[in-house]
Amino acid sequence: QPIVTAAGRRAAEEAIAPDADALYGLMERAGAGVANAVRRLSAGAETLILCGPGNNGGDGYVAARLLGEWGHPVRVAAVEPRSALGQRARAGW
């Protein structure tokens, strides 16, 4: 049994982030969490981030952007984002 269904997750996101800018803020926070974990755990090794077509892929682009800004070696392997938020994150990468 899933803890939260996809519909339940979407409803929770809409409740705390009612518009695209607020949702992008959540994406930034998620990507920053990933980037911080990579920085702690990778011992400076180059990191490959896989980005799918949805918003989780957008989180990956945010993580890759931040890692690059911090001087961490990073590569991205991805498919074209389908969501506007994913496309926005990819443009930032």
C-alpha atoms as a PDB file:
ATOM      1  CA  GLN A   1       0.000   0.000   0.000  1.00  0.00           C
ATOM      2  CA  PRO A   2       1.394   3.404  -0.908  1.00  0.00           C
ATOM      3  CA  ILE A   3       1.817   5.804   1.980  1.00  0.00           C
ATOM      4  CA  VAL A   4       0.616   8.637  -0.252  1.00  0.00           C
ATOM      5  CA  THR A   5      -0.951   8.186  -3.663  1.00  0.00           C
ATOM      6  CA  ALA A   6       0.053  10.374  -6.605  1.00  0.00           C
ATOM      7  CA  ALA A   7      -3.298  12.172  -6.321  1.00  0.00           C
ATOM      8  CA  GLY A   8      -2.748  12.688  -2.603  1.00  0.00           C
ATOM      9  CA  ARG A   9       0.724  14.107  -3.205  1.00  0.00           C
ATOM     10  CA  ARG A  10      -0.625  16.508  -5.837  1.00  0.00           C
ATOM     11  CA  ALA A  11      -3.365  17.654  -3.462  1.00  0.00           C
ATOM     12  CA  ALA A  12      -0.825  18.258  -0.682  1.00  0.00           C
ATOM     13  CA  GLU A  13       1.432  20.230  -3.025  1.00  0.00           C
ATOM     14  CA  GLU A  14      -1.490  22.358  -4.210  1.00  0.00           C
ATOM     15  CA  ALA A  15      -2.474  23.081  -0.604  1.00  0.00           C
ATOM     16  CA  ILE A  16       0.961  24.448   0.304  1.00  0.00           C
ATOM     17  CA  ALA A  17       1.962  25.832  -3.102  1.00  0.00           C
ATOM     18  CA  PRO A  18      -1.081  27.201  -4.924  1.00  0.00           C
ATOM     19  CA  ASP A  19       0.748  28.627  -7.953  1.00  0.00           C
ATOM     20  CA  ALA A  20       3.669  27.851 -10.261  1.00  0.00           C
ATOM     21  CA  ASP A  21       6.135  30.119  -8.448  1.00  0.00           C
ATOM     22  CA  ALA A  22       5.367  28.495  -5.110  1.00  0.00           C
ATOM     23  CA  LEU A  23       5.714  25.032  -6.672  1.00  0.00           C
ATOM     24  CA  TYR A  24       9.051  26.067  -8.158  1.00  0.00           C
ATOM     25  CA  GLY A  25      10.089  27.127  -4.660  1.00  0.00           C
ATOM     26  CA  LEU A  26       9.377  23.566  -3.496  1.00  0.00           C
ATOM     27  CA  MET A  27      11.461  22.272  -6.412  1.00  0.00           C
ATOM     28  CA  GLU A  28      14.331  24.554  -5.364  1.00  0.00           C
ATOM     29  CA  ARG A  29      14.148  23.242  -1.795  1.00  0.00           C
ATOM     30  CA  ALA A  30      14.065  19.613  -2.916  1.00  0.00           C
ATOM     31  CA  GLY A  31      16.980  20.126  -5.304  1.00  0.00           C
ATOM     32  CA  ALA A  32      18.977  21.896  -2.593  1.00  0.00           C
ATOM     33  CA  GLY A  33      18.399  18.962  -0.256  1.00  0.00           C
ATOM     34  CA  VAL A  34      19.703  16.549  -2.878  1.00  0.00           C
ATOM     35  CA  ALA A  35      22.693  18.777  -3.657  1.00  0.00           C
ATOM     36  CA  ASN A  36      23.631  19.045   0.014  1.00  0.00           C
ATOM     37  CA  ALA A  37      23.414  15.274   0.458  1.00  0.00           C
ATOM     38  CA  VAL A  38      25.567  14.686  -2.632  1.00  0.00           C
ATOM     39  CA  ARG A  39      28.146  17.150  -1.399  1.00  0.00           C
ATOM     40  CA  ARG A  40      28.319  15.413   1.993  1.00  0.00           C
ATOM     41  CA  LEU A  41      28.423  11.859   0.649  1.00  0.00           C
ATOM     42  CA  SER A  42      30.411  12.051  -2.600  1.00  0.00           C
ATOM     43  CA  ALA A  43      33.825  12.998  -1.221  1.00  0.00           C
ATOM     44  CA  GLY A  44      34.196  15.399  -4.158  1.00  0.00           C
ATOM     45  CA  ALA A  45      33.784  12.706  -6.820  1.00  0.00           C
ATOM     46  CA  GLU A  46      32.079  13.654 -10.064  1.00  0.00           C
ATOM     47  CA  THR A  47      28.345  13.084  -9.807  1.00  0.00           C
ATOM     48  CA  LEU A  48      25.957  11.962 -12.528  1.00  0.00           C
ATOM     49  CA  ILE A  49      22.381  13.142 -12.054  1.00  0.00           C
ATOM     50  CA  LEU A  50      19.625  11.405 -13.997  1.00  0.00           C
ATOM     51  CA  CYS A  51      16.647  13.641 -14.778  1.00  0.00           C
ATOM     52  CA  GLY A  52      13.373  12.185 -15.976  1.00  0.00           C
ATOM     53  CA  PRO A  53      10.590  14.080 -17.765  1.00  0.00           C
ATOM     54  CA  GLY A  54       8.576  15.070 -14.676  1.00  0.00           C
ATOM     55  CA  ASN A  55       9.008  17.438 -11.783  1.00  0.00           C
ATOM     56  CA  ASN A  56      11.378  15.074  -9.965  1.00  0.00           C
ATOM     57  CA  GLY A  57      13.656  15.528 -12.960  1.00  0.00           C
ATOM     58  CA  GLY A  58      13.348  19.252 -12.314  1.00  0.00           C
ATOM     59  CA  ASP A  59      14.609  18.649  -8.777  1.00  0.00           C
ATOM     60  CA  GLY A  60      17.626  16.964 -10.366  1.00  0.00           C
ATOM     61  CA  TYR A  61      18.345  19.974 -12.571  1.00  0.00           C
ATOM     62  CA  VAL A  62      18.217  22.232  -9.510  1.00  0.00           C
ATOM     63  CA  ALA A  63      20.624  19.921  -7.673  1.00  0.00           C
ATOM     64  CA  ALA A  64      22.980  19.882 -10.668  1.00  0.00           C
ATOM     65  CA  ARG A  65      22.870  23.677 -10.953  1.00  0.00           C
ATOM     66  CA  LEU A  66      23.689  24.163  -7.278  1.00  0.00           C
ATOM     67  CA  LEU A  67      26.474  21.594  -7.306  1.00  0.00           C
ATOM     68  CA  GLY A  68      28.008  23.318 -10.325  1.00  0.00           C
ATOM     69  CA  GLU A  69      27.757  26.707  -8.602  1.00  0.00           C
ATOM     70  CA  TRP A  70      29.596  25.205  -5.622  1.00  0.00           C
ATOM     71  CA  GLY A  71      32.387  23.911  -7.881  1.00  0.00           C
ATOM     72  CA  HIS A  72      31.386  20.260  -7.589  1.00  0.00           C
ATOM     73  CA  PRO A  73      31.951  18.237 -10.782  1.00  0.00           C
ATOM     74  CA  VAL A  74      28.554  17.192 -12.107  1.00  0.00           C
ATOM     75  CA  ARG A  75      27.037  15.760 -15.291  1.00  0.00           C
ATOM     76  CA  VAL A  76      23.377  15.378 -16.223  1.00  0.00           C
ATOM     77  CA  ALA A  77      21.762  12.642 -18.291  1.00  0.00           C
ATOM     78  CA  ALA A  78      18.187  13.510 -19.104  1.00  0.00           C
ATOM     79  CA  VAL A  79      15.134  13.267 -21.281  1.00  0.00           C
ATOM     80  CA  GLU A  80      13.195  16.351 -22.350  1.00  0.00           C
ATOM     81  CA  PRO A  81      11.101  17.715 -19.444  1.00  0.00           C
ATOM     82  CA  ARG A  82       7.334  17.539 -19.999  1.00  0.00           C
ATOM     83  CA  SER A  83       6.297  19.988 -17.305  1.00  0.00           C
ATOM     84  CA  ALA A  84       6.732  23.747 -17.357  1.00  0.00           C
ATOM     85  CA  LEU A  85       8.475  23.573 -13.981  1.00  0.00           C
ATOM     86  CA  GLY A  86      10.883  20.931 -15.249  1.00  0.00           C
ATOM     87  CA  GLN A  87      11.612  23.069 -18.300  1.00  0.00           C
ATOM     88  CA  ARG A  88      12.250  26.074 -16.067  1.00  0.00           C
ATOM     89  CA  ALA A  89      14.686  24.070 -13.929  1.00  0.00           C
ATOM     90  CA  ARG A  90      16.436  22.728 -17.027  1.00  0.00           C
ATOM     91  CA  ALA A  91      16.869  26.279 -18.352  1.00  0.00           C
ATOM     92  CA  GLY A  92      18.573  27.170 -15.051  1.00  0.00           C
ATOM     93  CA  TRP A  93      20.974  24.277 -15.415  1.00  0.00           C
END
